[in-house]
């Protein structure tokens, strides 16, 4: 088992050390689960209760965080979460990389072009005219459609499917079960039922994109469905036909983006957010989890709610609803008191006679 001293860890992540520099650490853990020979991190004051009770040997904290415990070694840095990621890499085992070559059970069309050092796993199929860039890895059961392209140094995990004419850039990671280039959901009503609209476009995934497991990216009806350079997509995301996602965007799990919507650069969509079709979200727009975006927003804004509105506006609306419930209760109480007074009035008049 590899162990590292706190001094080695502090040097690795650029932290200043408060505590026993010779203490040996065997790995990372959460504040709740860490033992005396493990390291954790505390990135926010809301986790102070866990920090106060942790059994960790050391904790990464911000430079300004006040810590009362004297028995706890501290590594102070500007970004504890980011620094913790550096330390995790030190303890993580090196990723297994298959040896270059084509597995005996794989089928590679004679017209396909394979770059130097590629690895083609068991039961893969590479169709006619496809091109695979140098040092790219295809894990088991990957399907590469006719005339599709995968760039250099990319990795496709088991069960990834590229339909025909799909383009994947360099240094991309596509996780298990994701599908690129299936038909967009296009149908026209007729007297005989739904008539399918032919989808003749393609999908382009630019360089340095990571796509999670079991995602679907539809082929454009015409033109291109595009995922911009450096974008990161979580598991179980659906991207409709002709959607364009700008560079360095972040799409979290279970998001759905309807057809022909355009997202700018650095757009963030929280988990289970939905975006209606034919909309535009400008650079830097952020959408909270579970929100439903039904209109375009061109300036950087934080949206939340159903339908999604600027966060402050949504919170004001929620506060108004809460006040409305209080006012409704007070009105009912006043009505009951008024009814009681009204019933007492006739009796008072009779007694006065």
Protein backbone atom coordinates (compact mmCIF):
# COMPACT_ATOMS: atom_id res chain seq x y z
CA UNK A 1 0.00 0.00 0.00
CA UNK A 2 1.38 3.42 -0.98
CA UNK A 3 1.60 5.98 1.83
CA UNK A 4 2.74 9.59 1.65
CA UNK A 5 3.75 12.03 4.38
CA UNK A 6 1.78 15.19 5.05
CA UNK A 7 4.78 17.20 3.91
CA UNK A 8 4.74 15.39 0.55
CA UNK A 9 1.00 15.97 0.22
CA UNK A 10 1.30 19.67 1.10
CA UNK A 11 4.03 20.14 -1.48
CA UNK A 12 2.00 18.30 -4.11
CA UNK A 13 -1.03 20.57 -3.81
CA UNK A 14 0.68 23.83 -2.84
CA UNK A 15 -0.73 23.93 0.70
CA UNK A 16 0.84 25.25 3.89
CA UNK A 17 1.07 22.62 6.62
CA UNK A 18 0.02 22.93 10.26
CA UNK A 19 0.83 19.70 12.07
CA UNK A 20 3.07 16.66 12.01
CA UNK A 21 4.90 16.74 8.69
CA UNK A 22 6.03 13.11 9.08
CA UNK A 23 2.53 11.68 9.54
CA UNK A 24 1.95 9.05 6.86
CA UNK A 25 -1.36 9.03 4.99
CA UNK A 26 -2.69 5.98 3.15
CA UNK A 27 -5.45 7.65 1.19
CA UNK A 28 -8.39 10.10 0.91
CA UNK A 29 -11.79 9.80 2.58
CA UNK A 30 -14.84 11.83 3.53
CA UNK A 31 -14.96 13.75 6.78
CA UNK A 32 -17.46 11.27 8.20
CA UNK A 33 -15.62 8.10 7.20
CA UNK A 34 -11.95 9.09 7.45
CA UNK A 35 -9.62 7.33 9.89
CA UNK A 36 -6.46 8.61 11.56
CA UNK A 37 -4.25 7.65 8.61
CA UNK A 38 -6.50 9.27 5.97
CA UNK A 39 -6.95 12.82 4.69
CA UNK A 40 -10.17 14.70 3.94
CA UNK A 41 -11.24 18.23 3.04
CA UNK A 42 -13.69 20.87 4.24
CA UNK A 43 -14.57 23.39 1.55
CA UNK A 44 -17.42 25.20 3.31
CA UNK A 45 -18.39 26.29 6.80
CA UNK A 46 -21.66 24.35 6.57
CA UNK A 47 -19.59 21.17 7.06
CA UNK A 48 -18.08 22.45 10.31
CA UNK A 49 -19.99 19.91 12.42
CA UNK A 50 -18.41 17.08 10.45
CA UNK A 51 -15.03 18.81 10.68
CA UNK A 52 -15.34 19.05 14.47
CA UNK A 53 -16.07 15.32 14.79
CA UNK A 54 -13.90 13.81 12.05
CA UNK A 55 -11.33 11.14 12.93
CA UNK A 56 -9.18 12.08 9.90
CA UNK A 57 -5.46 12.51 10.44
CA UNK A 58 -5.46 15.69 8.36
CA UNK A 59 -7.91 17.96 6.57
CA UNK A 60 -7.56 20.39 3.68
CA UNK A 61 -9.17 23.74 4.56
CA UNK A 62 -9.16 27.25 3.15
CA UNK A 63 -6.51 29.67 4.36
CA UNK A 64 -9.04 31.79 6.24
CA UNK A 65 -11.13 29.05 7.91
CA UNK A 66 -10.89 29.06 11.71
CA UNK A 67 -10.42 25.60 13.24
CA UNK A 68 -10.54 25.21 17.02
CA UNK A 69 -9.22 21.64 17.20
CA UNK A 70 -5.54 21.34 18.10
CA UNK A 71 -5.30 17.58 17.46
CA UNK A 72 -6.01 17.88 13.75
CA UNK A 73 -3.32 18.50 11.14
CA UNK A 74 -4.36 21.12 8.58
CA UNK A 75 -3.31 21.73 5.00
CA UNK A 76 -4.32 25.29 4.17
CA UNK A 77 -4.83 26.28 0.54
CA UNK A 78 -6.90 28.57 -1.67
CA UNK A 79 -9.20 25.86 -3.11
CA UNK A 80 -9.59 22.82 -0.80
CA UNK A 81 -11.81 20.85 -3.18
CA UNK A 82 -9.47 21.37 -6.12
CA UNK A 83 -6.41 20.54 -4.01
CA UNK A 84 -8.13 17.40 -2.70
CA UNK A 85 -8.61 16.31 -6.30
CA UNK A 86 -4.84 16.58 -6.80
CA UNK A 87 -4.23 14.37 -3.78
CA UNK A 88 -6.80 11.79 -4.88
CA UNK A 89 -4.85 11.43 -8.12
CA UNK A 90 -1.72 10.60 -6.11
CA UNK A 91 -3.42 7.64 -4.44
CA UNK A 92 -5.54 6.50 -7.39
CA UNK A 93 -4.21 3.45 -9.22
CA UNK A 94 -3.05 4.20 -12.76
CA UNK A 95 -5.88 3.62 -15.24
CA UNK A 96 -5.70 0.30 -17.01
CA UNK A 97 -4.94 0.83 -20.68
CA UNK A 98 -5.34 -2.06 -23.10
CA UNK A 99 -2.37 -2.91 -25.26
CA UNK A 100 -2.49 -1.58 -28.83
CA UNK A 101 -4.01 -3.92 -31.35
CA UNK A 102 -7.28 -5.40 -32.57
CA UNK A 103 -8.97 -8.13 -30.56
CA UNK A 104 -9.59 -11.35 -32.43
CA UNK A 105 -13.37 -11.05 -32.00
CA UNK A 106 -13.56 -7.48 -33.38
CA UNK A 107 -14.72 -6.84 -36.93
CA UNK A 108 -12.96 -4.06 -38.82
CA UNK A 109 -14.02 -3.26 -42.37
CA UNK A 110 -11.07 -3.31 -44.81
CA UNK A 111 -11.80 0.30 -45.81
CA UNK A 112 -11.61 1.60 -42.23
CA UNK A 113 -8.45 3.48 -41.21
CA UNK A 114 -6.84 2.85 -37.81
CA UNK A 115 -4.23 5.24 -36.44
CA UNK A 116 -1.00 4.21 -34.79
CA UNK A 117 -1.34 2.61 -31.37
CA UNK A 118 -5.13 2.21 -31.33
CA UNK A 119 -6.72 -0.47 -29.16
CA UNK A 120 -9.86 -2.21 -30.43
CA UNK A 121 -11.56 -4.35 -27.78
CA UNK A 122 -13.64 -7.53 -27.92
CA UNK A 123 -16.72 -7.63 -30.18
CA UNK A 124 -16.20 -4.11 -31.54
CA UNK A 125 -17.44 -3.34 -35.05
CA UNK A 126 -15.90 -0.64 -37.23
CA UNK A 127 -17.87 -0.10 -40.43
CA UNK A 128 -16.73 0.96 -43.89
CA UNK A 129 -14.94 4.27 -44.28
CA UNK A 130 -14.59 4.89 -40.53
CA UNK A 131 -11.42 6.47 -39.16
CA UNK A 132 -9.96 6.00 -35.68
CA UNK A 133 -7.23 8.40 -34.52
CA UNK A 134 -3.89 7.45 -33.04
CA UNK A 135 -3.81 5.98 -29.51
CA UNK A 136 -7.60 5.92 -29.20
CA UNK A 137 -9.12 3.09 -27.14
CA UNK A 138 -12.37 1.33 -27.98
CA UNK A 139 -13.50 -0.89 -25.12
CA UNK A 140 -15.70 -3.95 -25.67
CA UNK A 141 -18.75 -3.92 -27.97
CA UNK A 142 -18.25 -0.42 -29.36
CA UNK A 143 -20.02 0.22 -32.68
CA UNK A 144 -18.50 2.73 -35.12
CA UNK A 145 -20.86 3.45 -38.04
CA UNK A 146 -19.91 3.96 -41.65
CA UNK A 147 -17.80 7.05 -42.39
CA UNK A 148 -17.68 8.04 -38.72
CA UNK A 149 -14.54 9.62 -37.29
CA UNK A 150 -12.95 9.43 -33.84
CA UNK A 151 -9.97 11.69 -33.12
CA UNK A 152 -6.71 10.95 -31.35
CA UNK A 153 -6.31 9.92 -27.68
CA UNK A 154 -10.03 9.39 -27.11
CA UNK A 155 -11.63 6.56 -25.14
CA UNK A 156 -14.99 4.91 -25.81
CA UNK A 157 -16.29 2.62 -23.08
CA UNK A 158 -18.33 -0.58 -23.57
CA UNK A 159 -21.51 -0.32 -25.57
CA UNK A 160 -20.95 3.13 -27.07
CA UNK A 161 -22.64 3.45 -30.46
CA UNK A 162 -21.79 5.93 -33.20
CA UNK A 163 -24.26 5.86 -36.07
CA UNK A 164 -22.97 6.66 -39.55
CA UNK A 165 -21.14 9.93 -40.30
CA UNK A 166 -20.73 10.97 -36.66
CA UNK A 167 -17.58 12.92 -35.75
CA UNK A 168 -15.90 12.66 -32.34
CA UNK A 169 -12.93 14.91 -31.56
CA UNK A 170 -9.59 14.24 -29.89
CA UNK A 171 -9.15 13.53 -26.17
CA UNK A 172 -12.84 12.78 -25.73
CA UNK A 173 -14.26 10.31 -23.21
CA UNK A 174 -17.57 8.62 -24.01
CA UNK A 175 -18.91 6.43 -21.21
CA UNK A 176 -20.76 3.14 -21.45
CA UNK A 177 -24.00 2.86 -23.35
CA UNK A 178 -24.13 6.34 -24.86
CA UNK A 179 -25.49 6.70 -28.39
CA UNK A 180 -24.58 9.37 -30.94
CA UNK A 181 -26.45 9.99 -34.17
CA UNK A 182 -29.73 8.16 -33.65
CA UNK A 183 -32.67 9.77 -35.43
CA UNK A 184 -34.16 12.95 -34.03
CA UNK A 185 -37.76 12.68 -32.89
CA UNK A 186 -39.45 14.09 -35.98
CA UNK A 187 -42.95 13.11 -37.14
CA UNK A 188 -45.79 14.81 -39.02
CA UNK A 189 -49.47 13.98 -38.46
CA UNK A 190 -51.47 12.59 -41.36
CA UNK A 191 -54.79 10.89 -41.96
CA UNK A 192 -52.99 7.55 -41.81
CA UNK A 193 -51.08 8.37 -38.61
CA UNK A 194 -47.64 9.74 -37.83
CA UNK A 195 -45.30 10.10 -40.81
CA UNK A 196 -41.59 9.99 -40.01
CA UNK A 197 -39.47 12.98 -41.05
CA UNK A 198 -36.15 11.83 -42.45
CA UNK A 199 -33.17 12.92 -40.38
CA UNK A 200 -30.23 13.41 -42.75
CA UNK A 201 -27.83 15.55 -40.69
CA UNK A 202 -25.06 14.47 -38.36
CA UNK A 203 -23.49 14.87 -34.88
CA UNK A 204 -20.18 16.61 -34.17
CA UNK A 205 -18.52 16.32 -30.77
CA UNK A 206 -15.54 18.67 -30.52
CA UNK A 207 -12.24 18.08 -28.68
CA UNK A 208 -11.91 17.46 -24.92
CA UNK A 209 -15.56 16.58 -24.35
CA UNK A 210 -16.65 14.01 -21.75
CA UNK A 211 -20.08 12.38 -22.01
CA UNK A 212 -21.48 10.20 -19.19
CA UNK A 213 -23.15 6.82 -19.36
CA UNK A 214 -26.42 6.17 -21.19
CA UNK A 215 -26.70 9.55 -22.88
CA UNK A 216 -28.32 10.09 -26.28
CA UNK A 217 -27.37 12.72 -28.83
CA UNK A 218 -29.75 12.87 -31.80
CA UNK A 219 -28.74 13.33 -35.40
CA UNK A 220 -29.70 16.69 -36.88
CA UNK A 221 -32.67 16.79 -39.21
CA UNK A 222 -30.28 18.61 -41.53
CA UNK A 223 -26.95 20.22 -40.66
CA UNK A 224 -25.26 19.42 -37.35
CA UNK A 225 -26.07 18.64 -33.73
CA UNK A 226 -22.94 20.00 -32.04
CA UNK A 227 -21.32 19.67 -28.62
CA UNK A 228 -18.67 22.36 -28.12
CA UNK A 229 -15.08 21.91 -27.07
CA UNK A 230 -14.45 21.11 -23.40
CA UNK A 231 -18.11 20.54 -22.52
CA UNK A 232 -18.84 17.99 -19.77
CA UNK A 233 -22.07 15.99 -19.79
CA UNK A 234 -23.28 13.80 -16.91
CA UNK A 235 -25.16 10.49 -17.14
CA UNK A 236 -28.66 10.05 -18.58
CA UNK A 237 -28.80 13.25 -20.62
CA UNK A 238 -30.81 13.61 -23.82
CA UNK A 239 -29.80 16.13 -26.50
CA UNK A 240 -32.32 16.61 -29.30
CA UNK A 241 -31.74 17.10 -33.00
CA UNK A 242 -30.00 20.28 -34.20
CA UNK A 243 -29.08 21.33 -30.66
CA UNK A 244 -25.87 23.36 -30.42
CA UNK A 245 -23.98 23.47 -27.11
CA UNK A 246 -21.17 26.00 -26.79
CA UNK A 247 -17.69 25.46 -25.41
CA UNK A 248 -16.97 24.58 -21.77
CA UNK A 249 -20.60 24.04 -20.78
CA UNK A 250 -21.71 21.74 -17.96
CA UNK A 251 -24.80 19.53 -18.33
CA UNK A 252 -25.78 17.58 -15.19
CA UNK A 253 -27.67 14.27 -14.97
CA UNK A 254 -31.14 13.72 -16.46
CA UNK A 255 -31.24 16.99 -18.38
CA UNK A 256 -33.33 17.09 -21.55
CA UNK A 257 -32.69 19.63 -24.31
CA UNK A 258 -35.33 19.77 -27.04
CA UNK A 259 -34.56 20.16 -30.73
CA UNK A 260 -32.98 23.22 -32.36
CA UNK A 261 -32.09 24.89 -29.07
CA UNK A 262 -28.77 26.75 -28.92
CA UNK A 263 -26.65 27.09 -25.79
CA UNK A 264 -23.74 29.52 -25.57
CA UNK A 265 -20.39 28.92 -23.91
CA UNK A 266 -20.08 28.11 -20.18
CA UNK A 267 -23.78 27.37 -19.82
CA UNK A 268 -24.65 25.24 -16.76
CA UNK A 269 -27.81 23.11 -16.61
CA UNK A 270 -28.54 21.57 -13.19
CA UNK A 271 -29.84 18.04 -12.75
CA UNK A 272 -33.25 17.24 -14.29
CA UNK A 273 -33.55 20.66 -15.89
CA UNK A 274 -35.52 20.77 -19.12
CA UNK A 275 -35.09 23.19 -22.01
CA UNK A 276 -37.84 23.61 -24.59
CA UNK A 277 -37.12 23.57 -28.31
CA UNK A 278 -36.02 26.46 -30.57
CA UNK A 279 -34.69 28.56 -27.67
CA UNK A 280 -31.39 30.36 -27.10
CA UNK A 281 -29.43 30.54 -23.85
CA UNK A 282 -26.53 32.98 -24.01
CA UNK A 283 -23.01 32.63 -22.65
CA UNK A 284 -22.82 32.04 -18.92
CA UNK A 285 -26.52 31.27 -18.30
CA UNK A 286 -27.03 28.96 -15.29
CA UNK A 287 -30.19 26.90 -14.78
CA UNK A 288 -31.03 25.37 -11.40
CA UNK A 289 -31.87 21.70 -10.99
CA UNK A 290 -35.42 20.67 -11.87
CA UNK A 291 -36.17 23.93 -13.67
CA UNK A 292 -38.13 24.19 -16.91
CA UNK A 293 -36.79 26.74 -19.39
CA UNK A 294 -39.57 27.89 -21.73
CA UNK A 295 -38.15 31.15 -23.10
CA UNK A 296 -34.82 32.44 -24.40
CA UNK A 297 -32.32 34.30 -22.19
CA UNK A 298 -29.45 36.05 -23.93
CA UNK A 299 -27.60 37.70 -21.02
CA UNK A 300 -25.79 35.82 -18.21
CA UNK A 301 -28.43 35.04 -15.61
CA UNK A 302 -29.16 32.45 -12.92
CA UNK A 303 -32.52 30.83 -13.64
CA UNK A 304 -34.64 28.66 -11.41
CA UNK A 305 -38.21 27.43 -11.16
CA UNK A 306 -41.11 26.18 -13.24
CA UNK A 307 -41.15 28.02 -15.54
CA UNK A 308 -37.57 29.19 -15.03
CA UNK A 309 -37.18 32.86 -14.10
CA UNK A 310 -34.26 34.85 -12.65
CA UNK A 311 -33.49 33.43 -9.21
CA UNK A 312 -34.37 36.56 -7.22
CA UNK A 313 -37.67 36.87 -9.05
CA UNK A 314 -38.52 33.23 -8.36
CA UNK A 315 -37.69 33.60 -4.67
CA UNK A 316 -39.85 36.73 -4.44
CA UNK A 317 -42.71 34.79 -6.01
CA UNK A 318 -42.30 31.97 -3.51
CA UNK A 319 -42.28 34.47 -0.65
CA UNK A 320 -45.44 36.07 -2.05
CA UNK A 321 -47.17 32.69 -2.16
CA UNK A 322 -46.12 32.02 1.43
CA UNK A 323 -47.47 35.41 2.53
CA UNK A 324 -50.64 34.70 0.58
CA UNK A 325 -51.24 31.55 2.61
CA UNK A 326 -50.79 33.51 5.84
CA UNK A 327 -53.17 36.23 4.63
CA UNK A 328 -55.74 33.62 3.59
CA UNK A 329 -55.64 32.10 7.05
CA UNK A 330 -56.07 35.53 8.68
CA UNK A 331 -59.02 36.38 6.41
CA UNK A 332 -60.73 33.12 7.35
CA UNK A 333 -60.23 33.88 11.04
CA UNK A 334 -61.68 37.36 10.55
CA UNK A 335 -64.65 35.91 8.65
CA UNK A 336 -65.33 33.52 11.52
CA UNK A 337 -65.15 36.35 14.04
CA UNK A 338 -67.47 38.48 11.89
CA UNK A 339 -69.96 35.62 11.61
CA UNK A 340 -69.90 35.23 15.38
CA UNK A 341 -70.50 38.95 15.90
CA UNK A 342 -73.32 38.93 13.34
CA UNK A 343 -75.03 36.07 15.15
CA UNK A 344 -74.75 37.88 18.50
CA UNK A 345 -76.22 41.15 17.17
CA UNK A 346 -79.91 40.02 16.85
CA UNK A 347 -79.79 38.56 20.36
CA UNK A 348 -78.48 41.87 21.74
CA UNK A 349 -81.30 43.82 20.02
CA UNK A 350 -83.98 41.53 21.50
CA UNK A 351 -82.58 41.87 25.00
CA UNK A 352 -82.53 45.68 24.76
CA UNK A 353 -86.29 45.67 24.09
